[in-house]
Each structure stands twice: as C-alpha cells, then as structure tokens.
Amino acid sequence: MRYMDGFLIPVPNGNKQAYINMAVKAAPIFMEHGAIRVVETWGDDVPVGKVNDFRTAVIAEEGESVVFSWIEWPSKAVRDEGMAKVMKDERMKPDGEMPFSGARMIYGGFATLVDTDEA
C-alpha cells in the first residue's frame, strides 16, 4: 500500500519564487530515491478556523502563506530507504538561506487508508 509524507510549511510571500526553485531542485532527487510523486501547493484559500486552521498550525505570520506538500511512495519500506538516501544526498544541501521557517514546519508519515487512484 502507498505511503505518504505530508508537510505544512509557513513561507514568506516574498520567498515564493525561492521556495519554488528549492522544490524544483529537490523533487527529482526524491523521485530518484524511490518517490513516485512529489506535490507542492501554495495556499490561496486557507480560511481562518474557529478553533484551529492551517495558518495557526504553523504559526503563520503576517505576510506568510502556507505550503501544503506531500511525497508519495510505493510503500513505507521504500520511503524509509529512500528518505535515508535523500537526507544523505549532497544535492539536498541548501544553496543559501532556507526560504521558510523549518522550526514551524509540520511533517509526518501517513499510511494510506483509502485511495481511489490505487490499483
């Protein structure tokens, strides 16, 4: 069964292109190490909740947007092996300052329960 890594990331609006550049650089590395899909999305309809929401989850500040991303793997075993390789891959080192606050990033691995696309 497929396995997902999910991410919520606060990104300053002024760093949008830098974030895109970083994501475009990283996506093929994940694919090379076993991922079957990498998706990066920029929040453009993120409502304020009454108790919690995407913005408060990452403590988004004024002038920041929330990026919602996921990496799809064929299985948890492939993900565990592939992610270890990605973390050691020299190409993943940042070219400069990160375009987002890593301290406020939320991430986790998720086992698939329902997938209308999975055969």
PDB file of N, CA and C in Angstrom:
ATOM      1  N   MET A   1       0.842  -1.181   0.000  1.00  0.00           N
ATOM      2  CA  MET A   1       0.000   0.000   0.000  1.00  0.00           C
ATOM      3  C   MET A   1       0.885   1.242   0.000  1.00  0.00           C
ATOM      4  N   ARG A   2       0.481   2.266  -0.740  1.00  0.00           N
ATOM      5  CA  ARG A   2       1.252   3.502  -0.840  1.00  0.00           C
ATOM      6  C   ARG A   2       1.407   4.186   0.509  1.00  0.00           C
ATOM      7  N   TYR A   3       2.457   4.988   0.606  1.00  0.00           N
ATOM      8  CA  TYR A   3       2.789   5.691   1.839  1.00  0.00           C
ATOM      9  C   TYR A   3       3.022   7.155   1.507  1.00  0.00           C
ATOM     10  N   MET A   4       2.586   8.056   2.373  1.00  0.00           N
ATOM     11  CA  MET A   4       2.707   9.489   2.137  1.00  0.00           C
ATOM     12  C   MET A   4       3.503  10.169   3.234  1.00  0.00           C
ATOM     13  N   ASP A   5       4.353  11.084   2.826  1.00  0.00           N
ATOM     14  CA  ASP A   5       4.937  12.050   3.747  1.00  0.00           C
ATOM     15  C   ASP A   5       4.212  13.355   3.493  1.00  0.00           C
ATOM     16  N   GLY A   6       3.712  13.990   4.548  1.00  0.00           N
ATOM     17  CA  GLY A   6       2.984  15.246   4.406  1.00  0.00           C
ATOM     18  C   GLY A   6       3.683  16.371   5.143  1.00  0.00           C
ATOM     19  N   PHE A   7       3.540  17.594   4.607  1.00  0.00           N
ATOM     20  CA  PHE A   7       4.231  18.758   5.158  1.00  0.00           C
ATOM     21  C   PHE A   7       3.322  19.985   5.117  1.00  0.00           C
ATOM     22  N   LEU A   8       3.349  20.778   6.177  1.00  0.00           N
ATOM     23  CA  LEU A   8       2.772  22.115   6.216  1.00  0.00           C
ATOM     24  C   LEU A   8       3.931  23.055   6.540  1.00  0.00           C
ATOM     25  N   ILE A   9       4.085  24.103   5.724  1.00  0.00           N
ATOM     26  CA  ILE A   9       5.251  24.960   5.857  1.00  0.00           C
ATOM     27  C   ILE A   9       4.837  26.426   5.710  1.00  0.00           C
ATOM     28  N   PRO A  10       5.169  27.282   6.682  1.00  0.00           N
ATOM     29  CA  PRO A  10       4.917  28.713   6.500  1.00  0.00           C
ATOM     30  C   PRO A  10       6.045  29.320   5.665  1.00  0.00           C
ATOM     31  N   VAL A  11       5.676  30.043   4.605  1.00  0.00           N
ATOM     32  CA  VAL A  11       6.673  30.634   3.710  1.00  0.00           C
ATOM     33  C   VAL A  11       6.351  32.114   3.525  1.00  0.00           C
ATOM     34  N   PRO A  12       7.316  32.999   3.765  1.00  0.00           N
ATOM     35  CA  PRO A  12       7.077  34.416   3.484  1.00  0.00           C
ATOM     36  C   PRO A  12       6.703  34.609   2.011  1.00  0.00           C
ATOM     37  N   ASN A  13       5.696  35.431   1.762  1.00  0.00           N
ATOM     38  CA  ASN A  13       5.237  35.649   0.390  1.00  0.00           C
ATOM     39  C   ASN A  13       6.371  36.103  -0.523  1.00  0.00           C
ATOM     40  N   GLY A  14       7.288  36.883   0.002  1.00  0.00           N
ATOM     41  CA  GLY A  14       8.416  37.351  -0.785  1.00  0.00           C
ATOM     42  C   GLY A  14       9.400  36.258  -1.151  1.00  0.00           C
ATOM     43  N   ASN A  15       9.296  35.098  -0.518  1.00  0.00           N
ATOM     44  CA  ASN A  15      10.189  33.965  -0.794  1.00  0.00           C
ATOM     45  C   ASN A  15       9.539  32.903  -1.677  1.00  0.00           C
ATOM     46  N   LYS A  16       8.397  33.232  -2.261  1.00  0.00           N
ATOM     47  CA  LYS A  16       7.670  32.228  -3.051  1.00  0.00           C
ATOM     48  C   LYS A  16       8.545  31.662  -4.167  1.00  0.00           C
ATOM     49  N   GLN A  17       9.190  32.519  -4.952  1.00  0.00           N
ATOM     50  CA  GLN A  17       9.999  32.014  -6.063  1.00  0.00           C
ATOM     51  C   GLN A  17      11.198  31.213  -5.553  1.00  0.00           C
ATOM     52  N   ALA A  18      11.813  31.655  -4.458  1.00  0.00           N
ATOM     53  CA  ALA A  18      12.936  30.901  -3.881  1.00  0.00           C
ATOM     54  C   ALA A  18      12.464  29.528  -3.427  1.00  0.00           C
ATOM     55  N   TYR A  19      11.242  29.460  -2.852  1.00  0.00           N
ATOM     56  CA  TYR A  19      10.696  28.170  -2.433  1.00  0.00           C
ATOM     57  C   TYR A  19      10.455  27.284  -3.651  1.00  0.00           C
ATOM     58  N   ILE A  20       9.872  27.849  -4.703  1.00  0.00           N
ATOM     59  CA  ILE A  20       9.635  27.078  -5.926  1.00  0.00           C
ATOM     60  C   ILE A  20      10.957  26.542  -6.469  1.00  0.00           C
ATOM     61  N   ASN A  21      11.971  27.381  -6.510  1.00  0.00           N
ATOM     62  CA  ASN A  21      13.282  26.959  -7.015  1.00  0.00           C
ATOM     63  C   ASN A  21      13.831  25.793  -6.197  1.00  0.00           C
ATOM     64  N   MET A  22      13.707  25.885  -4.870  1.00  0.00           N
ATOM     65  CA  MET A  22      14.180  24.817  -3.994  1.00  0.00           C
ATOM     66  C   MET A  22      13.395  23.532  -4.246  1.00  0.00           C
ATOM     67  N   ALA A  23      12.066  23.649  -4.375  1.00  0.00           N
ATOM     68  CA  ALA A  23      11.217  22.480  -4.584  1.00  0.00           C
ATOM     69  C   ALA A  23      11.509  21.819  -5.929  1.00  0.00           C
ATOM     70  N   VAL A  24      11.729  22.627  -6.953  1.00  0.00           N
ATOM     71  CA  VAL A  24      12.043  22.090  -8.287  1.00  0.00           C
ATOM     72  C   VAL A  24      13.374  21.353  -8.260  1.00  0.00           C
ATOM     73  N   LYS A  25      14.314  21.839  -7.470  1.00  0.00           N
ATOM     74  CA  LYS A  25      15.617  21.178  -7.329  1.00  0.00           C
ATOM     75  C   LYS A  25      15.481  19.856  -6.558  1.00  0.00           C
ATOM     76  N   ALA A  26      14.663  19.841  -5.514  1.00  0.00           N
ATOM     77  CA  ALA A  26      14.564  18.674  -4.635  1.00  0.00           C
ATOM     78  C   ALA A  26      13.692  17.547  -5.205  1.00  0.00           C
ATOM     79  N   ALA A  27      12.632  17.894  -5.926  1.00  0.00           N
ATOM     80  CA  ALA A  27      11.673  16.880  -6.387  1.00  0.00           C
ATOM     81  C   ALA A  27      12.330  15.734  -7.158  1.00  0.00           C
ATOM     82  N   PRO A  28      13.211  16.001  -8.136  1.00  0.00           N
ATOM     83  CA  PRO A  28      13.813  14.880  -8.867  1.00  0.00           C
ATOM     84  C   PRO A  28      14.708  14.001  -7.990  1.00  0.00           C
ATOM     85  N   ILE A  29      15.257  14.587  -6.934  1.00  0.00           N
ATOM     86  CA  ILE A  29      16.101  13.796  -6.025  1.00  0.00           C
ATOM     87  C   ILE A  29      15.236  12.793  -5.268  1.00  0.00           C
ATOM     88  N   PHE A  30      14.064  13.242  -4.796  1.00  0.00           N
ATOM     89  CA  PHE A  30      13.130  12.322  -4.151  1.00  0.00           C
ATOM     90  C   PHE A  30      12.703  11.222  -5.122  1.00  0.00           C
ATOM     91  N   MET A  31      12.420  11.609  -6.357  1.00  0.00           N
ATOM     92  CA  MET A  31      11.996  10.629  -7.366  1.00  0.00           C
ATOM     93  C   MET A  31      13.117   9.620  -7.641  1.00  0.00           C
ATOM     94  N   GLU A  32      14.325  10.099  -7.721  1.00  0.00           N
ATOM     95  CA  GLU A  32      15.474   9.217  -7.960  1.00  0.00           C
ATOM     96  C   GLU A  32      15.632   8.178  -6.857  1.00  0.00           C
ATOM     97  N   HIS A  33      15.231   8.570  -5.646  1.00  0.00           N
ATOM     98  CA  HIS A  33      15.394   7.677  -4.492  1.00  0.00           C
ATOM     99  C   HIS A  33      14.105   6.925  -4.136  1.00  0.00           C
ATOM    100  N   GLY A  34      13.168   6.838  -5.097  1.00  0.00           N
ATOM    101  CA  GLY A  34      12.029   5.947  -4.912  1.00  0.00           C
ATOM    102  C   GLY A  34      10.655   6.574  -4.834  1.00  0.00           C
ATOM    103  N   ALA A  35      10.550   7.887  -4.655  1.00  0.00           N
ATOM    104  CA  ALA A  35       9.224   8.514  -4.612  1.00  0.00           C
ATOM    105  C   ALA A  35       8.560   8.363  -5.975  1.00  0.00           C
ATOM    106  N   ILE A  36       7.238   8.270  -5.972  1.00  0.00           N
ATOM    107  CA  ILE A  36       6.523   8.165  -7.239  1.00  0.00           C
ATOM    108  C   ILE A  36       5.766   9.450  -7.573  1.00  0.00           C
ATOM    109  N   ARG A  37       5.701  10.382  -6.613  1.00  0.00           N
ATOM    110  CA  ARG A  37       5.040  11.656  -6.861  1.00  0.00           C
ATOM    111  C   ARG A  37       5.456  12.647  -5.790  1.00  0.00           C
ATOM    112  N   VAL A  38       5.716  13.882  -6.212  1.00  0.00           N
ATOM    113  CA  VAL A  38       6.018  14.978  -5.298  1.00  0.00           C
ATOM    114  C   VAL A  38       5.092  16.131  -5.665  1.00  0.00           C
ATOM    115  N   VAL A  39       4.342  16.629  -4.689  1.00  0.00           N
ATOM    116  CA  VAL A  39       3.392  17.708  -4.936  1.00  0.00           C
ATOM    117  C   VAL A  39       3.660  18.841  -3.953  1.00  0.00           C
ATOM    118  N   GLU A  40       3.777  20.058  -4.477  1.00  0.00           N
ATOM    119  CA  GLU A  40       3.952  21.266  -3.672  1.00  0.00           C
ATOM    120  C   GLU A  40       2.804  22.200  -4.011  1.00  0.00           C
ATOM    121  N   THR A  41       2.053  22.668  -3.017  1.00  0.00           N
ATOM    122  CA  THR A  41       0.930  23.565  -3.277  1.00  0.00           C
ATOM    123  C   THR A  41       1.042  24.813  -2.407  1.00  0.00           C
ATOM    124  N   TRP A  42       0.616  25.945  -2.971  1.00  0.00           N
ATOM    125  CA  TRP A  42       0.673  27.240  -2.293  1.00  0.00           C
ATOM    126  C   TRP A  42      -0.740  27.613  -1.867  1.00  0.00           C
ATOM    127  N   GLY A  43      -0.943  27.866  -0.591  1.00  0.00           N
ATOM    128  CA  GLY A  43      -2.281  28.170  -0.083  1.00  0.00           C
ATOM    129  C   GLY A  43      -2.843  29.450  -0.671  1.00  0.00           C
ATOM    130  N   ASP A  44      -4.008  29.366  -1.299  1.00  0.00           N
ATOM    131  CA  ASP A  44      -4.662  30.573  -1.795  1.00  0.00           C
ATOM    132  C   ASP A  44      -6.124  30.663  -1.331  1.00  0.00           C
ATOM    133  N   ASP A  45      -6.567  29.667  -0.579  1.00  0.00           N
ATOM    134  CA  ASP A  45      -7.910  29.682   0.007  1.00  0.00           C
ATOM    135  C   ASP A  45      -7.820  28.941   1.337  1.00  0.00           C
ATOM    136  N   VAL A  46      -7.175  29.586   2.307  1.00  0.00           N
ATOM    137  CA  VAL A  46      -6.913  28.966   3.606  1.00  0.00           C
ATOM    138  C   VAL A  46      -7.703  29.757   4.659  1.00  0.00           C
ATOM    139  N   PRO A  47      -8.948  29.323   4.931  1.00  0.00           N
ATOM    140  CA  PRO A  47      -9.794  30.091   5.845  1.00  0.00           C
ATOM    141  C   PRO A  47      -9.309  30.021   7.290  1.00  0.00           C
ATOM    142  N   VAL A  48      -9.640  31.076   8.010  1.00  0.00           N
ATOM    143  CA  VAL A  48      -9.361  31.127   9.442  1.00  0.00           C
ATOM    144  C   VAL A  48     -10.415  30.280  10.151  1.00  0.00           C
ATOM    145  N   GLY A  49      -9.958  29.352  10.985  1.00  0.00           N
ATOM    146  CA  GLY A  49     -10.882  28.480  11.699  1.00  0.00           C
ATOM    147  C   GLY A  49     -11.335  29.066  13.022  1.00  0.00           C
ATOM    148  N   LYS A  50     -12.355  28.473  13.610  1.00  0.00           N
ATOM    149  CA  LYS A  50     -12.847  28.922  14.909  1.00  0.00           C
ATOM    150  C   LYS A  50     -11.989  28.381  16.042  1.00  0.00           C
ATOM    151  N   VAL A  51     -11.397  27.204  15.861  1.00  0.00           N
ATOM    152  CA  VAL A  51     -10.551  26.593  16.890  1.00  0.00           C
ATOM    153  C   VAL A  51      -9.119  26.470  16.387  1.00  0.00           C
ATOM    154  N   ASN A  52      -8.945  25.968  15.161  1.00  0.00           N
ATOM    155  CA  ASN A  52      -7.615  25.773  14.586  1.00  0.00           C
ATOM    156  C   ASN A  52      -7.732  25.823  13.073  1.00  0.00           C
ATOM    157  N   ASP A  53      -6.621  26.019  12.404  1.00  0.00           N
ATOM    158  CA  ASP A  53      -6.599  26.033  10.952  1.00  0.00           C
ATOM    159  C   ASP A  53      -5.150  25.829  10.498  1.00  0.00           C
ATOM    160  N   PHE A  54      -4.947  25.775   9.181  1.00  0.00           N
ATOM    161  CA  PHE A  54      -3.603  25.563   8.648  1.00  0.00           C
ATOM    162  C   PHE A  54      -2.646  26.678   9.081  1.00  0.00           C
ATOM    163  N   ARG A  55      -3.107  27.919   9.075  1.00  0.00           N
ATOM    164  CA  ARG A  55      -2.236  29.048   9.426  1.00  0.00           C
ATOM    165  C   ARG A  55      -1.793  28.977  10.892  1.00  0.00           C
ATOM    166  N   THR A  56      -2.736  28.719  11.792  1.00  0.00           N
ATOM    167  CA  THR A  56      -2.356  28.671  13.203  1.00  0.00           C
ATOM    168  C   THR A  56      -1.537  27.422  13.514  1.00  0.00           C
ATOM    169  N   ALA A  57      -1.742  26.358  12.737  1.00  0.00           N
ATOM    170  CA  ALA A  57      -0.968  25.132  12.966  1.00  0.00           C
ATOM    171  C   ALA A  57       0.531  25.378  12.802  1.00  0.00           C
ATOM    172  N   VAL A  58       0.890  26.243  11.845  1.00  0.00           N
ATOM    173  CA  VAL A  58       2.313  26.528  11.597  1.00  0.00           C
ATOM    174  C   VAL A  58       2.723  27.900  12.122  1.00  0.00           C
ATOM    175  N   ILE A  59       1.819  28.519  12.873  1.00  0.00           N
ATOM    176  CA  ILE A  59       2.052  29.854  13.437  1.00  0.00           C
ATOM    177  C   ILE A  59       2.461  30.833  12.332  1.00  0.00           C
ATOM    178  N   ALA A  60       1.691  30.808  11.227  1.00  0.00           N
ATOM    179  CA  ALA A  60       1.973  31.703  10.104  1.00  0.00           C
ATOM    180  C   ALA A  60       1.845  33.148  10.556  1.00  0.00           C
ATOM    181  N   GLU A  61       2.796  33.940  10.130  1.00  0.00           N
ATOM    182  CA  GLU A  61       2.829  35.354  10.485  1.00  0.00           C
ATOM    183  C   GLU A  61       2.268  36.190   9.341  1.00  0.00           C
ATOM    184  N   GLU A  62       2.002  37.446   9.620  1.00  0.00           N
ATOM    185  CA  GLU A  62       1.537  38.373   8.581  1.00  0.00           C
ATOM    186  C   GLU A  62       2.526  38.341   7.418  1.00  0.00           C
ATOM    187  N   GLY A  63       2.009  38.237   6.208  1.00  0.00           N
ATOM    188  CA  GLY A  63       2.877  38.214   5.033  1.00  0.00           C
ATOM    189  C   GLY A  63       3.409  36.830   4.688  1.00  0.00           C
ATOM    190  N   GLU A  64       2.902  35.798   5.354  1.00  0.00           N
ATOM    191  CA  GLU A  64       3.296  34.422   5.039  1.00  0.00           C
ATOM    192  C   GLU A  64       2.107  33.649   4.491  1.00  0.00           C
ATOM    193  N   SER A  65       2.403  32.701   3.625  1.00  0.00           N
ATOM    194  CA  SER A  65       1.406  31.761   3.129  1.00  0.00           C
ATOM    195  C   SER A  65       1.780  30.365   3.616  1.00  0.00           C
ATOM    196  N   VAL A  66       0.826  29.457   3.536  1.00  0.00           N
ATOM    197  CA  VAL A  66       1.064  28.082   3.959  1.00  0.00           C
ATOM    198  C   VAL A  66       1.239  27.207   2.728  1.00  0.00           C
ATOM    199  N   VAL A  67       2.324  26.456   2.708  1.00  0.00           N
ATOM    200  CA  VAL A  67       2.561  25.462   1.665  1.00  0.00           C
ATOM    201  C   VAL A  67       2.119  24.117   2.220  1.00  0.00           C
ATOM    202  N   PHE A  68       1.340  23.398   1.418  1.00  0.00           N
ATOM    203  CA  PHE A  68       0.885  22.048   1.762  1.00  0.00           C
ATOM    204  C   PHE A  68       1.517  21.127   0.725  1.00  0.00           C
ATOM    205  N   SER A  69       2.330  20.199   1.180  1.00  0.00           N
ATOM    206  CA  SER A  69       3.091  19.346   0.270  1.00  0.00           C
ATOM    207  C   SER A  69       2.977  17.895   0.685  1.00  0.00           C
ATOM    208  N   TRP A  70       3.169  17.023  -0.295  1.00  0.00           N
ATOM    209  CA  TRP A  70       3.248  15.608   0.031  1.00  0.00           C
ATOM    210  C   TRP A  70       4.149  14.899  -0.955  1.00  0.00           C
ATOM    211  N   ILE A  71       4.722  13.828  -0.457  1.00  0.00           N
ATOM    212  CA  ILE A  71       5.554  12.948  -1.276  1.00  0.00           C
ATOM    213  C   ILE A  71       4.925  11.568  -1.196  1.00  0.00           C
ATOM    214  N   GLU A  72       4.655  11.002  -2.348  1.00  0.00           N
ATOM    215  CA  GLU A  72       4.019   9.690  -2.412  1.00  0.00           C
ATOM    216  C   GLU A  72       5.087   8.637  -2.705  1.00  0.00           C
ATOM    217  N   TRP A  73       5.037   7.574  -1.933  1.00  0.00           N
ATOM    218  CA  TRP A  73       5.976   6.459  -2.068  1.00  0.00           C
ATOM    219  C   TRP A  73       5.188   5.180  -2.335  1.00  0.00           C
ATOM    220  N   PRO A  74       5.785   4.182  -2.981  1.00  0.00           N
ATOM    221  CA  PRO A  74       5.072   2.930  -3.221  1.00  0.00           C
ATOM    222  C   PRO A  74       4.762   2.156  -1.943  1.00  0.00           C
ATOM    223  N   SER A  75       5.582   2.351  -0.901  1.00  0.00           N
ATOM    224  CA  SER A  75       5.378   1.645   0.373  1.00  0.00           C
ATOM    225  C   SER A  75       6.196   2.347   1.451  1.00  0.00           C
ATOM    226  N   LYS A  76       5.923   2.015   2.698  1.00  0.00           N
ATOM    227  CA  LYS A  76       6.699   2.583   3.803  1.00  0.00           C
ATOM    228  C   LYS A  76       8.144   2.110   3.741  1.00  0.00           C
ATOM    229  N   ALA A  77       8.362   0.865   3.348  1.00  0.00           N
ATOM    230  CA  ALA A  77       9.733   0.346   3.257  1.00  0.00           C
ATOM    231  C   ALA A  77      10.544   1.128   2.229  1.00  0.00           C
ATOM    232  N   VAL A  78       9.938   1.408   1.076  1.00  0.00           N
ATOM    233  CA  VAL A  78      10.629   2.200   0.047  1.00  0.00           C
ATOM    234  C   VAL A  78      10.873   3.609   0.570  1.00  0.00           C
ATOM    235  N   ARG A  79       9.890   4.172   1.274  1.00  0.00           N
ATOM    236  CA  ARG A  79      10.046   5.509   1.850  1.00  0.00           C
ATOM    237  C   ARG A  79      11.179   5.543   2.856  1.00  0.00           C
ATOM    238  N   ASP A  80      11.229   4.582   3.760  1.00  0.00           N
ATOM    239  CA  ASP A  80      12.279   4.585   4.782  1.00  0.00           C
ATOM    240  C   ASP A  80      13.663   4.530   4.138  1.00  0.00           C
ATOM    241  N   GLU A  81      13.822   3.664   3.167  1.00  0.00           N
ATOM    242  CA  GLU A  81      15.107   3.539   2.478  1.00  0.00           C
ATOM    243  C   GLU A  81      15.401   4.785   1.636  1.00  0.00           C
ATOM    244  N   GLY A  82      14.407   5.250   0.902  1.00  0.00           N
ATOM    245  CA  GLY A  82      14.591   6.408   0.033  1.00  0.00           C
ATOM    246  C   GLY A  82      14.848   7.683   0.803  1.00  0.00           C
ATOM    247  N   MET A  83      14.103   7.912   1.879  1.00  0.00           N
ATOM    248  CA  MET A  83      14.275   9.133   2.668  1.00  0.00           C
ATOM    249  C   MET A  83      15.664   9.161   3.307  1.00  0.00           C
ATOM    250  N   ALA A  84      16.162   8.023   3.750  1.00  0.00           N
ATOM    251  CA  ALA A  84      17.518   7.966   4.305  1.00  0.00           C
ATOM    252  C   ALA A  84      18.544   8.391   3.250  1.00  0.00           C
ATOM    253  N   LYS A  85      18.341   7.943   2.017  1.00  0.00           N
ATOM    254  CA  LYS A  85      19.249   8.319   0.929  1.00  0.00           C
ATOM    255  C   LYS A  85      19.126   9.804   0.592  1.00  0.00           C
ATOM    256  N   VAL A  86      17.901  10.313   0.582  1.00  0.00           N
ATOM    257  CA  VAL A  86      17.685  11.734   0.292  1.00  0.00           C
ATOM    258  C   VAL A  86      18.405  12.593   1.330  1.00  0.00           C
ATOM    259  N   MET A  87      18.289  12.236   2.589  1.00  0.00           N
ATOM    260  CA  MET A  87      18.900  13.033   3.652  1.00  0.00           C
ATOM    261  C   MET A  87      20.428  13.040   3.570  1.00  0.00           C
ATOM    262  N   LYS A  88      21.008  12.013   2.970  1.00  0.00           N
ATOM    263  CA  LYS A  88      22.468  11.934   2.814  1.00  0.00           C
ATOM    264  C   LYS A  88      22.936  12.507   1.478  1.00  0.00           C
ATOM    265  N   ASP A  89      22.011  12.787   0.577  1.00  0.00           N
ATOM    266  CA  ASP A  89      22.358  13.245  -0.771  1.00  0.00           C
ATOM    267  C   ASP A  89      22.912  14.675  -0.713  1.00  0.00           C
ATOM    268  N   GLU A  90      24.116  14.857  -1.196  1.00  0.00           N
ATOM    269  CA  GLU A  90      24.791  16.163  -1.166  1.00  0.00           C
ATOM    270  C   GLU A  90      24.007  17.231  -1.932  1.00  0.00           C
ATOM    271  N   ARG A  91      23.234  16.834  -2.921  1.00  0.00           N
ATOM    272  CA  ARG A  91      22.464  17.801  -3.716  1.00  0.00           C
ATOM    273  C   ARG A  91      21.339  18.446  -2.917  1.00  0.00           C
ATOM    274  N   MET A  92      20.998  17.867  -1.759  1.00  0.00           N
ATOM    275  CA  MET A  92      19.927  18.425  -0.937  1.00  0.00           C
ATOM    276  C   MET A  92      20.410  19.559  -0.035  1.00  0.00           C
ATOM    277  N   LYS A  93      21.704  19.782   0.007  1.00  0.00           N
ATOM    278  CA  LYS A  93      22.217  20.894   0.811  1.00  0.00           C
ATOM    279  C   LYS A  93      21.717  22.208   0.219  1.00  0.00           C
ATOM    280  N   PRO A  94      21.246  23.122   1.090  1.00  0.00           N
ATOM    281  CA  PRO A  94      20.737  24.395   0.570  1.00  0.00           C
ATOM    282  C   PRO A  94      21.840  25.221  -0.087  1.00  0.00           C
ATOM    283  N   ASP A  95      21.453  25.961  -1.124  1.00  0.00           N
ATOM    284  CA  ASP A  95      22.391  26.840  -1.814  1.00  0.00           C
ATOM    285  C   ASP A  95      22.638  28.117  -1.016  1.00  0.00           C
ATOM    286  N   GLY A  96      21.799  28.387  -0.073  1.00  0.00           N
ATOM    287  CA  GLY A  96      21.896  29.583   0.766  1.00  0.00           C
ATOM    288  C   GLY A  96      20.942  29.427   1.924  1.00  0.00           C
ATOM    289  N   GLU A  97      20.358  30.530   2.330  1.00  0.00           N
ATOM    290  CA  GLU A  97      19.394  30.511   3.424  1.00  0.00           C
ATOM    291  C   GLU A  97      18.097  29.839   2.972  1.00  0.00           C
ATOM    292  N   MET A  98      17.513  29.052   3.845  1.00  0.00           N
ATOM    293  CA  MET A  98      16.246  28.388   3.525  1.00  0.00           C
ATOM    294  C   MET A  98      15.154  29.445   3.363  1.00  0.00           C
ATOM    295  N   PRO A  99      14.253  29.281   2.396  1.00  0.00           N
ATOM    296  CA  PRO A  99      13.217  30.290   2.153  1.00  0.00           C
ATOM    297  C   PRO A  99      11.993  30.148   3.064  1.00  0.00           C
ATOM    298  N   PHE A 100      12.104  29.374   4.141  1.00  0.00           N
ATOM    299  CA  PHE A 100      10.984  29.166   5.057  1.00  0.00           C
ATOM    300  C   PHE A 100      11.515  28.880   6.448  1.00  0.00           C
ATOM    301  N   SER A 101      10.613  28.896   7.414  1.00  0.00           N
ATOM    302  CA  SER A 101      10.968  28.610   8.800  1.00  0.00           C
ATOM    303  C   SER A 101      10.846  27.111   9.065  1.00  0.00           C
ATOM    304  N   GLY A 102      11.965  26.432   9.121  1.00  0.00           N
ATOM    305  CA  GLY A 102      11.953  24.995   9.397  1.00  0.00           C
ATOM    306  C   GLY A 102      11.452  24.676  10.797  1.00  0.00           C
ATOM    307  N   ALA A 103      11.631  25.612  11.730  1.00  0.00           N
ATOM    308  CA  ALA A 103      11.186  25.381  13.106  1.00  0.00           C
ATOM    309  C   ALA A 103       9.665  25.299  13.203  1.00  0.00           C
ATOM    310  N   ARG A 104       8.958  25.919  12.252  1.00  0.00           N
ATOM    311  CA  ARG A 104       7.496  25.902  12.283  1.00  0.00           C
ATOM    312  C   ARG A 104       6.900  24.940  11.265  1.00  0.00           C
ATOM    313  N   MET A 105       7.732  24.209  10.565  1.00  0.00           N
ATOM    314  CA  MET A 105       7.250  23.203   9.619  1.00  0.00           C
ATOM    315  C   MET A 105       6.665  22.020  10.397  1.00  0.00           C
ATOM    316  N   ILE A 106       5.559  21.499   9.904  1.00  0.00           N
ATOM    317  CA  ILE A 106       4.939  20.307  10.482  1.00  0.00           C
ATOM    318  C   ILE A 106       5.039  19.203   9.435  1.00  0.00           C
ATOM    319  N   TYR A 107       5.458  18.021   9.848  1.00  0.00           N
ATOM    320  CA  TYR A 107       5.590  16.933   8.879  1.00  0.00           C
ATOM    321  C   TYR A 107       5.304  15.602   9.555  1.00  0.00           C
ATOM    322  N   GLY A 108       5.015  14.612   8.750  1.00  0.00           N
ATOM    323  CA  GLY A 108       4.771  13.278   9.271  1.00  0.00           C
ATOM    324  C   GLY A 108       4.556  12.285   8.146  1.00  0.00           C
ATOM    325  N   GLY A 109       4.649  11.016   8.480  1.00  0.00           N
ATOM    326  CA  GLY A 109       4.411   9.929   7.541  1.00  0.00           C
ATOM    327  C   GLY A 109       3.036   9.334   7.786  1.00  0.00           C
ATOM    328  N   PHE A 110       2.373   8.954   6.685  1.00  0.00           N
ATOM    329  CA  PHE A 110       0.990   8.512   6.777  1.00  0.00           C
ATOM    330  C   PHE A 110       0.752   7.247   5.966  1.00  0.00           C
ATOM    331  N   ALA A 111       0.147   6.262   6.614  1.00  0.00           N
ATOM    332  CA  ALA A 111      -0.267   5.038   5.932  1.00  0.00           C
ATOM    333  C   ALA A 111      -1.602   5.310   5.233  1.00  0.00           C
ATOM    334  N   THR A 112      -1.732   4.819   4.015  1.00  0.00           N
ATOM    335  CA  THR A 112      -2.940   5.033   3.219  1.00  0.00           C
ATOM    336  C   THR A 112      -4.111   4.224   3.769  1.00  0.00           C
ATOM    337  N   LEU A 113      -5.255   4.879   3.908  1.00  0.00           N
ATOM    338  CA  LEU A 113      -6.477   4.202   4.308  1.00  0.00           C
ATOM    339  C   LEU A 113      -7.408   3.977   3.121  1.00  0.00           C
ATOM    340  N   VAL A 114      -7.606   5.031   2.317  1.00  0.00           N
ATOM    341  CA  VAL A 114      -8.441   4.970   1.125  1.00  0.00           C
ATOM    342  C   VAL A 114      -7.715   5.714   0.021  1.00  0.00           C
ATOM    343  N   ASP A 115      -7.682   5.141  -1.162  1.00  0.00           N
ATOM    344  CA  ASP A 115      -7.035   5.785  -2.305  1.00  0.00           C
ATOM    345  C   ASP A 115      -7.794   5.384  -3.562  1.00  0.00           C
ATOM    346  N   THR A 116      -8.530   6.296  -4.128  1.00  0.00           N
ATOM    347  CA  THR A 116      -9.323   5.970  -5.321  1.00  0.00           C
ATOM    348  C   THR A 116      -8.461   5.790  -6.555  1.00  0.00           C
ATOM    349  N   ASP A 117      -7.187   6.152  -6.468  1.00  0.00           N
ATOM    350  CA  ASP A 117      -6.266   6.020  -7.603  1.00  0.00           C
ATOM    351  C   ASP A 117      -5.429   4.746  -7.546  1.00  0.00           C
ATOM    352  N   GLU A 118      -5.402   4.090  -6.391  1.00  0.00           N
ATOM    353  CA  GLU A 118      -4.533   2.918  -6.232  1.00  0.00           C
ATOM    354  C   GLU A 118      -5.185   1.684  -6.817  1.00  0.00           C
ATOM    355  N   ALA A 119      -4.401   0.945  -7.579  1.00  0.00           N
ATOM    356  CA  ALA A 119      -4.897  -0.286  -8.206  1.00  0.00           C
ATOM    357  C   ALA A 119      -4.924  -1.444  -7.242  1.00  0.00           C
TER     358      ALA A 119
END
